[in-house]
Amino acid sequence: MRHGNNVRKFGRTASQRQALLKGLMLALIAHGKIQTTDAKAKELRPAIEKMITKANVGTLASRRLVISRLYNLTSEANKLIDEIAPKYKGQSGGYTRITKLPRRAGDASKMAIIEFI
């Protein structure tokens, strides 16, 4: 039974899921909004919101943690820390919005747009 097991597996191993989420996070940071499946958007939301909350702390340790969690890509990490996170300084969550889209034509998957508010 799957009681209390809330992670979506996407038919991938744990390392592949982690790489998928990091890639989605990098795309969202770079572009501000991305179109993906509804399930992937729902998994991405808590991950990116935790990153923004960590980036809001502003200490050297939090900056290094954010950089390490984004594959040591300092340009995206700096954009998150210097441009995106300060917009939400007084907020304690709710940094992203998920908007439902019509189903995809090929396989009828539920689609969504996730974007920063």
PDB file of N, CA and C in Angstrom:
ATOM      1  N   MET A   1       0.834  -1.189   0.000  1.00  0.00           N
ATOM      2  CA  MET A   1       0.000   0.000   0.000  1.00  0.00           C
ATOM      3  C   MET A   1       0.872   1.244   0.000  1.00  0.00           C
ATOM      4  N   ARG A   2       0.341   2.326  -0.574  1.00  0.00           N
ATOM      5  CA  ARG A   2       1.107   3.567  -0.726  1.00  0.00           C
ATOM      6  C   ARG A   2       0.676   4.626   0.279  1.00  0.00           C
ATOM      7  N   HIS A   3       0.288   4.254   1.478  1.00  0.00           N
ATOM      8  CA  HIS A   3      -0.139   5.235   2.468  1.00  0.00           C
ATOM      9  C   HIS A   3       1.018   6.157   2.828  1.00  0.00           C
ATOM     10  N   GLY A   4       0.766   7.453   2.760  1.00  0.00           N
ATOM     11  CA  GLY A   4       1.774   8.437   3.155  1.00  0.00           C
ATOM     12  C   GLY A   4       2.925   8.590   2.178  1.00  0.00           C
ATOM     13  N   ASN A   5       2.832   7.995   1.004  1.00  0.00           N
ATOM     14  CA  ASN A   5       3.887   8.093   0.003  1.00  0.00           C
ATOM     15  C   ASN A   5       3.378   9.003  -1.109  1.00  0.00           C
ATOM     16  N   ASN A   6       3.727  10.280  -1.033  1.00  0.00           N
ATOM     17  CA  ASN A   6       3.093  11.274  -1.898  1.00  0.00           C
ATOM     18  C   ASN A   6       3.939  11.725  -3.079  1.00  0.00           C
ATOM     19  N   VAL A   7       5.120  11.170  -3.268  1.00  0.00           N
ATOM     20  CA  VAL A   7       5.965  11.609  -4.363  1.00  0.00           C
ATOM     21  C   VAL A   7       5.500  10.976  -5.677  1.00  0.00           C
ATOM     22  N   ARG A   8       5.466  11.794  -6.728  1.00  0.00           N
ATOM     23  CA  ARG A   8       5.136  11.278  -8.055  1.00  0.00           C
ATOM     24  C   ARG A   8       6.411  10.716  -8.657  1.00  0.00           C
ATOM     25  N   LYS A   9       6.348   9.533  -9.230  1.00  0.00           N
ATOM     26  CA  LYS A   9       7.561   8.864  -9.693  1.00  0.00           C
ATOM     27  C   LYS A   9       7.869   9.122 -11.163  1.00  0.00           C
ATOM     28  N   PHE A  10       6.889   9.443 -11.973  1.00  0.00           N
ATOM     29  CA  PHE A  10       7.074   9.742 -13.399  1.00  0.00           C
ATOM     30  C   PHE A  10       7.748   8.615 -14.161  1.00  0.00           C
ATOM     31  N   GLY A  11       7.713   7.391 -13.669  1.00  0.00           N
ATOM     32  CA  GLY A  11       8.338   6.271 -14.350  1.00  0.00           C
ATOM     33  C   GLY A  11       9.849   6.377 -14.415  1.00  0.00           C
ATOM     34  N   ARG A  12      10.456   7.045 -13.441  1.00  0.00           N
ATOM     35  CA  ARG A  12      11.900   7.283 -13.435  1.00  0.00           C
ATOM     36  C   ARG A  12      12.498   6.822 -12.117  1.00  0.00           C
ATOM     37  N   THR A  13      13.801   6.617 -12.133  1.00  0.00           N
ATOM     38  CA  THR A  13      14.501   6.316 -10.891  1.00  0.00           C
ATOM     39  C   THR A  13      14.658   7.606 -10.093  1.00  0.00           C
ATOM     40  N   ALA A  14      15.120   7.485  -8.860  1.00  0.00           N
ATOM     41  CA  ALA A  14      15.236   8.652  -7.984  1.00  0.00           C
ATOM     42  C   ALA A  14      16.200   9.690  -8.562  1.00  0.00           C
ATOM     43  N   SER A  15      17.327   9.254  -9.102  1.00  0.00           N
ATOM     44  CA  SER A  15      18.294  10.204  -9.652  1.00  0.00           C
ATOM     45  C   SER A  15      17.746  10.883 -10.910  1.00  0.00           C
ATOM     46  N   GLN A  16      16.987  10.147 -11.710  1.00  0.00           N
ATOM     47  CA  GLN A  16      16.382  10.742 -12.904  1.00  0.00           C
ATOM     48  C   GLN A  16      15.313  11.761 -12.526  1.00  0.00           C
ATOM     49  N   ARG A  17      14.528  11.459 -11.482  1.00  0.00           N
ATOM     50  CA  ARG A  17      13.516  12.414 -11.005  1.00  0.00           C
ATOM     51  C   ARG A  17      14.172  13.680 -10.491  1.00  0.00           C
ATOM     52  N   GLN A  18      15.270  13.529  -9.756  1.00  0.00           N
ATOM     53  CA  GLN A  18      15.985  14.676  -9.221  1.00  0.00           C
ATOM     54  C   GLN A  18      16.534  15.533 -10.363  1.00  0.00           C
ATOM     55  N   ALA A  19      17.080  14.903 -11.392  1.00  0.00           N
ATOM     56  CA  ALA A  19      17.605  15.634 -12.541  1.00  0.00           C
ATOM     57  C   ALA A  19      16.479  16.343 -13.296  1.00  0.00           C
ATOM     58  N   LEU A  20      15.327  15.689 -13.410  1.00  0.00           N
ATOM     59  CA  LEU A  20      14.166  16.300 -14.071  1.00  0.00           C
ATOM     60  C   LEU A  20      13.736  17.561 -13.335  1.00  0.00           C
ATOM     61  N   LEU A  21      13.620  17.486 -12.012  1.00  0.00           N
ATOM     62  CA  LEU A  21      13.187  18.642 -11.231  1.00  0.00           C
ATOM     63  C   LEU A  21      14.215  19.771 -11.290  1.00  0.00           C
ATOM     64  N   LYS A  22      15.501  19.431 -11.256  1.00  0.00           N
ATOM     65  CA  LYS A  22      16.517  20.473 -11.356  1.00  0.00           C
ATOM     66  C   LYS A  22      16.474  21.143 -12.726  1.00  0.00           C
ATOM     67  N   GLY A  23      16.261  20.366 -13.775  1.00  0.00           N
ATOM     68  CA  GLY A  23      16.143  20.942 -15.111  1.00  0.00           C
ATOM     69  C   GLY A  23      14.933  21.852 -15.236  1.00  0.00           C
ATOM     70  N   LEU A  24      13.814  21.441 -14.649  1.00  0.00           N
ATOM     71  CA  LEU A  24      12.619  22.284 -14.668  1.00  0.00           C
ATOM     72  C   LEU A  24      12.840  23.559 -13.856  1.00  0.00           C
ATOM     73  N   MET A  25      13.533  23.437 -12.718  1.00  0.00           N
ATOM     74  CA  MET A  25      13.837  24.624 -11.911  1.00  0.00           C
ATOM     75  C   MET A  25      14.706  25.605 -12.683  1.00  0.00           C
ATOM     76  N   LEU A  26      15.728  25.090 -13.358  1.00  0.00           N
ATOM     77  CA  LEU A  26      16.613  25.959 -14.131  1.00  0.00           C
ATOM     78  C   LEU A  26      15.855  26.654 -15.262  1.00  0.00           C
ATOM     79  N   ALA A  27      14.966  25.927 -15.924  1.00  0.00           N
ATOM     80  CA  ALA A  27      14.181  26.526 -17.010  1.00  0.00           C
ATOM     81  C   ALA A  27      13.244  27.600 -16.480  1.00  0.00           C
ATOM     82  N   LEU A  28      12.631  27.340 -15.327  1.00  0.00           N
ATOM     83  CA  LEU A  28      11.719  28.323 -14.740  1.00  0.00           C
ATOM     84  C   LEU A  28      12.479  29.575 -14.311  1.00  0.00           C
ATOM     85  N   ILE A  29      13.648  29.406 -13.734  1.00  0.00           N
ATOM     86  CA  ILE A  29      14.450  30.561 -13.322  1.00  0.00           C
ATOM     87  C   ILE A  29      14.896  31.357 -14.550  1.00  0.00           C
ATOM     88  N   ALA A  30      15.299  30.664 -15.595  1.00  0.00           N
ATOM     89  CA  ALA A  30      15.810  31.344 -16.793  1.00  0.00           C
ATOM     90  C   ALA A  30      14.716  32.083 -17.548  1.00  0.00           C
ATOM     91  N   HIS A  31      13.521  31.488 -17.646  1.00  0.00           N
ATOM     92  CA  HIS A  31      12.476  32.042 -18.506  1.00  0.00           C
ATOM     93  C   HIS A  31      11.327  32.708 -17.756  1.00  0.00           C
ATOM     94  N   GLY A  32      11.192  32.472 -16.474  1.00  0.00           N
ATOM     95  CA  GLY A  32      10.104  33.091 -15.720  1.00  0.00           C
ATOM     96  C   GLY A  32       8.816  32.306 -15.738  1.00  0.00           C
ATOM     97  N   LYS A  33       8.556  31.578 -16.810  1.00  0.00           N
ATOM     98  CA  LYS A  33       7.401  30.685 -16.865  1.00  0.00           C
ATOM     99  C   LYS A  33       7.674  29.592 -17.883  1.00  0.00           C
ATOM    100  N   ILE A  34       7.144  28.406 -17.603  1.00  0.00           N
ATOM    101  CA  ILE A  34       7.331  27.280 -18.500  1.00  0.00           C
ATOM    102  C   ILE A  34       6.025  26.525 -18.648  1.00  0.00           C
ATOM    103  N   GLN A  35       5.887  25.849 -19.767  1.00  0.00           N
ATOM    104  CA  GLN A  35       4.731  24.993 -20.019  1.00  0.00           C
ATOM    105  C   GLN A  35       5.185  23.553 -19.866  1.00  0.00           C
ATOM    106  N   THR A  36       4.487  22.798 -19.028  1.00  0.00           N
ATOM    107  CA  THR A  36       4.833  21.411 -18.761  1.00  0.00           C
ATOM    108  C   THR A  36       3.557  20.655 -18.416  1.00  0.00           C
ATOM    109  N   THR A  37       3.695  19.394 -18.073  1.00  0.00           N
ATOM    110  CA  THR A  37       2.501  18.651 -17.680  1.00  0.00           C
ATOM    111  C   THR A  37       2.048  19.101 -16.298  1.00  0.00           C
ATOM    112  N   ASP A  38       0.798  18.851 -16.001  1.00  0.00           N
ATOM    113  CA  ASP A  38       0.207  19.273 -14.743  1.00  0.00           C
ATOM    114  C   ASP A  38       0.913  18.605 -13.564  1.00  0.00           C
ATOM    115  N   ALA A  39       1.205  17.321 -13.672  1.00  0.00           N
ATOM    116  CA  ALA A  39       1.847  16.598 -12.572  1.00  0.00           C
ATOM    117  C   ALA A  39       3.255  17.127 -12.312  1.00  0.00           C
ATOM    118  N   LYS A  40       4.004  17.415 -13.371  1.00  0.00           N
ATOM    119  CA  LYS A  40       5.360  17.944 -13.192  1.00  0.00           C
ATOM    120  C   LYS A  40       5.321  19.335 -12.572  1.00  0.00           C
ATOM    121  N   ALA A  41       4.349  20.146 -12.960  1.00  0.00           N
ATOM    122  CA  ALA A  41       4.202  21.479 -12.374  1.00  0.00           C
ATOM    123  C   ALA A  41       3.879  21.381 -10.887  1.00  0.00           C
ATOM    124  N   LYS A  42       3.037  20.434 -10.521  1.00  0.00           N
ATOM    125  CA  LYS A  42       2.675  20.274  -9.114  1.00  0.00           C
ATOM    126  C   LYS A  42       3.844  19.760  -8.273  1.00  0.00           C
ATOM    127  N   GLU A  43       4.741  18.993  -8.863  1.00  0.00           N
ATOM    128  CA  GLU A  43       5.938  18.549  -8.153  1.00  0.00           C
ATOM    129  C   GLU A  43       6.981  19.653  -8.102  1.00  0.00           C
ATOM    130  N   LEU A  44       7.022  20.497  -9.120  1.00  0.00           N
ATOM    131  CA  LEU A  44       8.010  21.563  -9.189  1.00  0.00           C
ATOM    132  C   LEU A  44       7.715  22.673  -8.192  1.00  0.00           C
ATOM    133  N   ARG A  45       6.449  22.951  -7.947  1.00  0.00           N
ATOM    134  CA  ARG A  45       6.072  24.081  -7.099  1.00  0.00           C
ATOM    135  C   ARG A  45       6.734  24.051  -5.717  1.00  0.00           C
ATOM    136  N   PRO A  46       6.620  22.960  -4.926  1.00  0.00           N
ATOM    137  CA  PRO A  46       7.270  23.004  -3.611  1.00  0.00           C
ATOM    138  C   PRO A  46       8.787  23.089  -3.691  1.00  0.00           C
ATOM    139  N   ALA A  47       9.384  22.499  -4.710  1.00  0.00           N
ATOM    140  CA  ALA A  47      10.838  22.526  -4.831  1.00  0.00           C
ATOM    141  C   ALA A  47      11.335  23.944  -5.098  1.00  0.00           C
ATOM    142  N   ILE A  48      10.705  24.657  -6.028  1.00  0.00           N
ATOM    143  CA  ILE A  48      11.162  26.009  -6.369  1.00  0.00           C
ATOM    144  C   ILE A  48      10.834  26.986  -5.247  1.00  0.00           C
ATOM    145  N   GLU A  49       9.732  26.775  -4.551  1.00  0.00           N
ATOM    146  CA  GLU A  49       9.386  27.678  -3.451  1.00  0.00           C
ATOM    147  C   GLU A  49      10.355  27.521  -2.289  1.00  0.00           C
ATOM    148  N   LYS A  50      10.836  26.309  -2.049  1.00  0.00           N
ATOM    149  CA  LYS A  50      11.847  26.112  -1.008  1.00  0.00           C
ATOM    150  C   LYS A  50      13.159  26.790  -1.403  1.00  0.00           C
ATOM    151  N   MET A  51      13.483  26.765  -2.694  1.00  0.00           N
ATOM    152  CA  MET A  51      14.700  27.427  -3.165  1.00  0.00           C
ATOM    153  C   MET A  51      14.598  28.948  -2.990  1.00  0.00           C
ATOM    154  N   ILE A  52      13.439  29.523  -3.285  1.00  0.00           N
ATOM    155  CA  ILE A  52      13.261  30.963  -3.133  1.00  0.00           C
ATOM    156  C   ILE A  52      13.329  31.348  -1.661  1.00  0.00           C
ATOM    157  N   THR A  53      12.714  30.551  -0.805  1.00  0.00           N
ATOM    158  CA  THR A  53      12.773  30.818   0.631  1.00  0.00           C
ATOM    159  C   THR A  53      14.203  30.760   1.127  1.00  0.00           C
ATOM    160  N   LYS A  54      14.969  29.788   0.651  1.00  0.00           N
ATOM    161  CA  LYS A  54      16.379  29.674   1.041  1.00  0.00           C
ATOM    162  C   LYS A  54      17.182  30.856   0.491  1.00  0.00           C
ATOM    163  N   ALA A  55      16.866  31.302  -0.724  1.00  0.00           N
ATOM    164  CA  ALA A  55      17.582  32.426  -1.318  1.00  0.00           C
ATOM    165  C   ALA A  55      17.270  33.733  -0.593  1.00  0.00           C
ATOM    166  N   ASN A  56      16.107  33.829   0.036  1.00  0.00           N
ATOM    167  CA  ASN A  56      15.723  35.031   0.764  1.00  0.00           C
ATOM    168  C   ASN A  56      16.512  35.222   2.044  1.00  0.00           C
ATOM    169  N   VAL A  57      17.122  34.162   2.569  1.00  0.00           N
ATOM    170  CA  VAL A  57      17.858  34.270   3.827  1.00  0.00           C
ATOM    171  C   VAL A  57      19.024  35.241   3.679  1.00  0.00           C
ATOM    172  N   GLY A  58      19.754  35.136   2.579  1.00  0.00           N
ATOM    173  CA  GLY A  58      20.794  36.104   2.278  1.00  0.00           C
ATOM    174  C   GLY A  58      22.147  35.855   2.893  1.00  0.00           C
ATOM    175  N   THR A  59      22.338  34.751   3.567  1.00  0.00           N
ATOM    176  CA  THR A  59      23.650  34.461   4.142  1.00  0.00           C
ATOM    177  C   THR A  59      24.533  33.783   3.106  1.00  0.00           C
ATOM    178  N   LEU A  60      25.811  33.728   3.394  1.00  0.00           N
ATOM    179  CA  LEU A  60      26.749  33.064   2.500  1.00  0.00           C
ATOM    180  C   LEU A  60      26.441  31.570   2.401  1.00  0.00           C
ATOM    181  N   ALA A  61      26.071  30.967   3.520  1.00  0.00           N
ATOM    182  CA  ALA A  61      25.750  29.539   3.524  1.00  0.00           C
ATOM    183  C   ALA A  61      24.526  29.246   2.661  1.00  0.00           C
ATOM    184  N   SER A  62      23.504  30.093   2.741  1.00  0.00           N
ATOM    185  CA  SER A  62      22.315  29.867   1.919  1.00  0.00           C
ATOM    186  C   SER A  62      22.623  30.083   0.448  1.00  0.00           C
ATOM    187  N   ARG A  63      23.473  31.060   0.127  1.00  0.00           N
ATOM    188  CA  ARG A  63      23.868  31.292  -1.271  1.00  0.00           C
ATOM    189  C   ARG A  63      24.608  30.073  -1.823  1.00  0.00           C
ATOM    190  N   ARG A  64      25.531  29.511  -1.027  1.00  0.00           N
ATOM    191  CA  ARG A  64      26.265  28.336  -1.473  1.00  0.00           C
ATOM    192  C   ARG A  64      25.351  27.132  -1.627  1.00  0.00           C
ATOM    193  N   LEU A  65      24.362  26.995  -0.756  1.00  0.00           N
ATOM    194  CA  LEU A  65      23.420  25.884  -0.843  1.00  0.00           C
ATOM    195  C   LEU A  65      22.583  25.979  -2.112  1.00  0.00           C
ATOM    196  N   VAL A  66      22.101  27.178  -2.425  1.00  0.00           N
ATOM    197  CA  VAL A  66      21.304  27.376  -3.640  1.00  0.00           C
ATOM    198  C   VAL A  66      22.149  27.079  -4.876  1.00  0.00           C
ATOM    199  N   ILE A  67      23.392  27.552  -4.891  1.00  0.00           N
ATOM    200  CA  ILE A  67      24.271  27.302  -6.036  1.00  0.00           C
ATOM    201  C   ILE A  67      24.524  25.807  -6.203  1.00  0.00           C
ATOM    202  N   SER A  68      24.755  25.102  -5.108  1.00  0.00           N
ATOM    203  CA  SER A  68      25.036  23.668  -5.209  1.00  0.00           C
ATOM    204  C   SER A  68      23.816  22.887  -5.660  1.00  0.00           C
ATOM    205  N   ARG A  69      22.640  23.327  -5.291  1.00  0.00           N
ATOM    206  CA  ARG A  69      21.431  22.607  -5.692  1.00  0.00           C
ATOM    207  C   ARG A  69      21.046  22.887  -7.134  1.00  0.00           C
ATOM    208  N   LEU A  70      21.649  23.877  -7.754  1.00  0.00           N
ATOM    209  CA  LEU A  70      21.374  24.191  -9.158  1.00  0.00           C
ATOM    210  C   LEU A  70      22.558  23.803 -10.034  1.00  0.00           C
ATOM    211  N   TYR A  71      23.155  22.654  -9.774  1.00  0.00           N
ATOM    212  CA  TYR A  71      24.255  22.111 -10.582  1.00  0.00           C
ATOM    213  C   TYR A  71      25.436  23.062 -10.666  1.00  0.00           C
ATOM    214  N   ASN A  72      25.676  23.884  -9.651  1.00  0.00           N
ATOM    215  CA  ASN A  72      26.775  24.851  -9.626  1.00  0.00           C
ATOM    216  C   ASN A  72      26.732  25.822 -10.806  1.00  0.00           C
ATOM    217  N   LEU A  73      25.543  26.075 -11.333  1.00  0.00           N
ATOM    218  CA  LEU A  73      25.378  27.066 -12.395  1.00  0.00           C
ATOM    219  C   LEU A  73      25.166  28.425 -11.734  1.00  0.00           C
ATOM    220  N   THR A  74      26.238  29.176 -11.598  1.00  0.00           N
ATOM    221  CA  THR A  74      26.169  30.400 -10.812  1.00  0.00           C
ATOM    222  C   THR A  74      25.324  31.482 -11.471  1.00  0.00           C
ATOM    223  N   SER A  75      25.199  31.483 -12.801  1.00  0.00           N
ATOM    224  CA  SER A  75      24.411  32.530 -13.450  1.00  0.00           C
ATOM    225  C   SER A  75      22.937  32.405 -13.077  1.00  0.00           C
ATOM    226  N   GLU A  76      22.394  31.173 -13.125  1.00  0.00           N
ATOM    227  CA  GLU A  76      20.993  30.973 -12.737  1.00  0.00           C
ATOM    228  C   GLU A  76      20.806  31.178 -11.247  1.00  0.00           C
ATOM    229  N   ALA A  77      21.761  30.714 -10.458  1.00  0.00           N
ATOM    230  CA  ALA A  77      21.663  30.885  -9.005  1.00  0.00           C
ATOM    231  C   ALA A  77      21.715  32.364  -8.633  1.00  0.00           C
ATOM    232  N   ASN A  78      22.595  33.114  -9.277  1.00  0.00           N
ATOM    233  CA  ASN A  78      22.674  34.548  -9.004  1.00  0.00           C
ATOM    234  C   ASN A  78      21.403  35.264  -9.426  1.00  0.00           C
ATOM    235  N   LYS A  79      20.803  34.831 -10.534  1.00  0.00           N
ATOM    236  CA  LYS A  79      19.536  35.430 -10.960  1.00  0.00           C
ATOM    237  C   LYS A  79      18.452  35.154  -9.923  1.00  0.00           C
ATOM    238  N   LEU A  80      18.425  33.935  -9.396  1.00  0.00           N
ATOM    239  CA  LEU A  80      17.441  33.587  -8.367  1.00  0.00           C
ATOM    240  C   LEU A  80      17.672  34.409  -7.107  1.00  0.00           C
ATOM    241  N   ILE A  81      18.921  34.522  -6.674  1.00  0.00           N
ATOM    242  CA  ILE A  81      19.226  35.199  -5.412  1.00  0.00           C
ATOM    243  C   ILE A  81      19.113  36.716  -5.537  1.00  0.00           C
ATOM    244  N   ASP A  82      19.586  37.283  -6.646  1.00  0.00           N
ATOM    245  CA  ASP A  82      19.673  38.740  -6.776  1.00  0.00           C
ATOM    246  C   ASP A  82      18.449  39.389  -7.401  1.00  0.00           C
ATOM    247  N   GLU A  83      17.718  38.668  -8.266  1.00  0.00           N
ATOM    248  CA  GLU A  83      16.589  39.291  -8.966  1.00  0.00           C
ATOM    249  C   GLU A  83      15.233  38.744  -8.521  1.00  0.00           C
ATOM    250  N   ILE A  84      15.104  37.425  -8.446  1.00  0.00           N
ATOM    251  CA  ILE A  84      13.788  36.827  -8.196  1.00  0.00           C
ATOM    252  C   ILE A  84      13.426  36.859  -6.720  1.00  0.00           C
ATOM    253  N   ALA A  85      14.316  36.390  -5.861  1.00  0.00           N
ATOM    254  CA  ALA A  85      14.014  36.277  -4.434  1.00  0.00           C
ATOM    255  C   ALA A  85      13.703  37.616  -3.761  1.00  0.00           C
ATOM    256  N   PRO A  86      14.418  38.709  -4.073  1.00  0.00           N
ATOM    257  CA  PRO A  86      14.091  39.972  -3.388  1.00  0.00           C
ATOM    258  C   PRO A  86      12.668  40.477  -3.640  1.00  0.00           C
ATOM    259  N   LYS A  87      12.045  40.069  -4.739  1.00  0.00           N
ATOM    260  CA  LYS A  87      10.664  40.483  -5.002  1.00  0.00           C
ATOM    261  C   LYS A  87       9.695  39.919  -3.970  1.00  0.00           C
ATOM    262  N   TYR A  88      10.072  38.798  -3.344  1.00  0.00           N
ATOM    263  CA  TYR A  88       9.190  38.115  -2.404  1.00  0.00           C
ATOM    264  C   TYR A  88       9.720  38.220  -0.984  1.00  0.00           C
ATOM    265  N   LYS A  89      10.426  39.288  -0.654  1.00  0.00           N
ATOM    266  CA  LYS A  89      11.101  39.409   0.637  1.00  0.00           C
ATOM    267  C   LYS A  89      10.124  39.328   1.814  1.00  0.00           C
ATOM    268  N   GLY A  90       9.006  39.988   1.746  1.00  0.00           N
ATOM    269  CA  GLY A  90       8.063  39.987   2.870  1.00  0.00           C
ATOM    270  C   GLY A  90       7.097  38.819   2.858  1.00  0.00           C
ATOM    271  N   GLN A  91       7.081  38.060   1.777  1.00  0.00           N
ATOM    272  CA  GLN A  91       6.137  36.950   1.625  1.00  0.00           C
ATOM    273  C   GLN A  91       6.677  35.685   2.260  1.00  0.00           C
ATOM    274  N   SER A  92       5.776  34.851   2.766  1.00  0.00           N
ATOM    275  CA  SER A  92       6.206  33.582   3.362  1.00  0.00           C
ATOM    276  C   SER A  92       5.683  32.400   2.560  1.00  0.00           C
ATOM    277  N   GLY A  93       5.702  32.513   1.253  1.00  0.00           N
ATOM    278  CA  GLY A  93       5.257  31.421   0.390  1.00  0.00           C
ATOM    279  C   GLY A  93       4.341  31.939  -0.698  1.00  0.00           C
ATOM    280  N   GLY A  94       3.923  31.045  -1.570  1.00  0.00           N
ATOM    281  CA  GLY A  94       3.024  31.427  -2.654  1.00  0.00           C
ATOM    282  C   GLY A  94       3.708  32.247  -3.727  1.00  0.00           C
ATOM    283  N   TYR A  95       4.903  31.821  -4.125  1.00  0.00           N
ATOM    284  CA  TYR A  95       5.668  32.585  -5.113  1.00  0.00           C
ATOM    285  C   TYR A  95       5.334  32.192  -6.541  1.00  0.00           C
ATOM    286  N   THR A  96       4.662  31.069  -6.740  1.00  0.00           N
ATOM    287  CA  THR A  96       4.387  30.582  -8.086  1.00  0.00           C
ATOM    288  C   THR A  96       2.890  30.405  -8.303  1.00  0.00           C
ATOM    289  N   ARG A  97       2.540  30.367  -9.579  1.00  0.00           N
ATOM    290  CA  ARG A  97       1.140  30.166  -9.974  1.00  0.00           C
ATOM    291  C   ARG A  97       1.110  29.062 -11.024  1.00  0.00           C
ATOM    292  N   ILE A  98       0.158  28.139 -10.877  1.00  0.00           N
ATOM    293  CA  ILE A  98      -0.049  27.088 -11.870  1.00  0.00           C
ATOM    294  C   ILE A  98      -1.371  27.370 -12.569  1.00  0.00           C
ATOM    295  N   THR A  99      -1.318  27.495 -13.890  1.00  0.00           N
ATOM    296  CA  THR A  99      -2.511  27.743 -14.700  1.00  0.00           C
ATOM    297  C   THR A  99      -2.749  26.529 -15.582  1.00  0.00           C
ATOM    298  N   LYS A 100      -3.941  25.979 -15.528  1.00  0.00           N
ATOM    299  CA  LYS A 100      -4.270  24.798 -16.325  1.00  0.00           C
ATOM    300  C   LYS A 100      -4.456  25.194 -17.794  1.00  0.00           C
ATOM    301  N   LEU A 101      -4.050  24.295 -18.667  1.00  0.00           N
ATOM    302  CA  LEU A 101      -4.203  24.464 -20.108  1.00  0.00           C
ATOM    303  C   LEU A 101      -5.029  23.305 -20.659  1.00  0.00           C
ATOM    304  N   PRO A 102      -5.484  23.403 -21.917  1.00  0.00           N
ATOM    305  CA  PRO A 102      -6.158  22.244 -22.525  1.00  0.00           C
ATOM    306  C   PRO A 102      -5.201  21.066 -22.656  1.00  0.00           C
ATOM    307  N   ARG A 103      -5.752  19.900 -22.805  1.00  0.00           N
ATOM    308  CA  ARG A 103      -4.938  18.692 -22.912  1.00  0.00           C
ATOM    309  C   ARG A 103      -4.082  18.719 -24.175  1.00  0.00           C
ATOM    310  N   ARG A 104      -2.935  18.052 -24.097  1.00  0.00           N
ATOM    311  CA  ARG A 104      -2.004  17.985 -25.221  1.00  0.00           C
ATOM    312  C   ARG A 104      -2.609  17.149 -26.336  1.00  0.00           C
ATOM    313  N   ALA A 105      -2.343  17.521 -27.577  1.00  0.00           N
ATOM    314  CA  ALA A 105      -2.961  16.862 -28.726  1.00  0.00           C
ATOM    315  C   ALA A 105      -2.467  15.427 -28.913  1.00  0.00           C
ATOM    316  N   GLY A 106      -1.193  15.176 -28.695  1.00  0.00           N
ATOM    317  CA  GLY A 106      -0.639  13.864 -29.006  1.00  0.00           C
ATOM    318  C   GLY A 106      -1.117  12.755 -28.100  1.00  0.00           C
ATOM    319  N   ASP A 107      -0.973  12.953 -26.771  1.00  0.00           N
ATOM    320  CA  ASP A 107      -1.310  11.886 -25.843  1.00  0.00           C
ATOM    321  C   ASP A 107      -2.379  12.289 -24.823  1.00  0.00           C
ATOM    322  N   ALA A 108      -2.975  13.459 -24.996  1.00  0.00           N
ATOM    323  CA  ALA A 108      -4.051  13.953 -24.140  1.00  0.00           C
ATOM    324  C   ALA A 108      -3.606  14.130 -22.690  1.00  0.00           C
ATOM    325  N   SER A 109      -2.338  14.454 -22.485  1.00  0.00           N
ATOM    326  CA  SER A 109      -1.856  14.732 -21.121  1.00  0.00           C
ATOM    327  C   SER A 109      -2.367  16.084 -20.650  1.00  0.00           C
ATOM    328  N   LYS A 110      -2.646  16.177 -19.368  1.00  0.00           N
ATOM    329  CA  LYS A 110      -3.045  17.451 -18.790  1.00  0.00           C
ATOM    330  C   LYS A 110      -1.837  18.380 -18.785  1.00  0.00           C
ATOM    331  N   MET A 111      -2.001  19.575 -19.297  1.00  0.00           N
ATOM    332  CA  MET A 111      -0.898  20.529 -19.408  1.00  0.00           C
ATOM    333  C   MET A 111      -1.146  21.708 -18.484  1.00  0.00           C
ATOM    334  N   ALA A 112      -0.071  22.399 -18.123  1.00  0.00           N
ATOM    335  CA  ALA A 112      -0.165  23.557 -17.239  1.00  0.00           C
ATOM    336  C   ALA A 112       1.009  24.487 -17.512  1.00  0.00           C
ATOM    337  N   ILE A 113       0.825  25.731 -17.112  1.00  0.00           N
ATOM    338  CA  ILE A 113       1.898  26.728 -17.119  1.00  0.00           C
ATOM    339  C   ILE A 113       2.202  27.037 -15.677  1.00  0.00           C
ATOM    340  N   ILE A 114       3.485  26.991 -15.320  1.00  0.00           N
ATOM    341  CA  ILE A 114       3.912  27.420 -13.989  1.00  0.00           C
ATOM    342  C   ILE A 114       4.757  28.654 -14.172  1.00  0.00           C
ATOM    343  N   GLU A 115       4.467  29.694 -13.354  1.00  0.00           N
ATOM    344  CA  GLU A 115       5.157  30.966 -13.503  1.00  0.00           C
ATOM    345  C   GLU A 115       5.306  31.631 -12.142  1.00  0.00           C
ATOM    346  N   PHE A 116       6.249  32.561 -12.062  1.00  0.00           N
ATOM    347  CA  PHE A 116       6.394  33.368 -10.871  1.00  0.00           C
ATOM    348  C   PHE A 116       5.301  34.414 -10.852  1.00  0.00           C
ATOM    349  N   ILE A 117       4.779  34.705  -9.677  1.00  0.00           N
ATOM    350  CA  ILE A 117       3.719  35.718  -9.554  1.00  0.00           C
ATOM    351  C   ILE A 117       4.344  37.095  -9.573  1.00  0.00           C
TER     352      ILE A 117
END
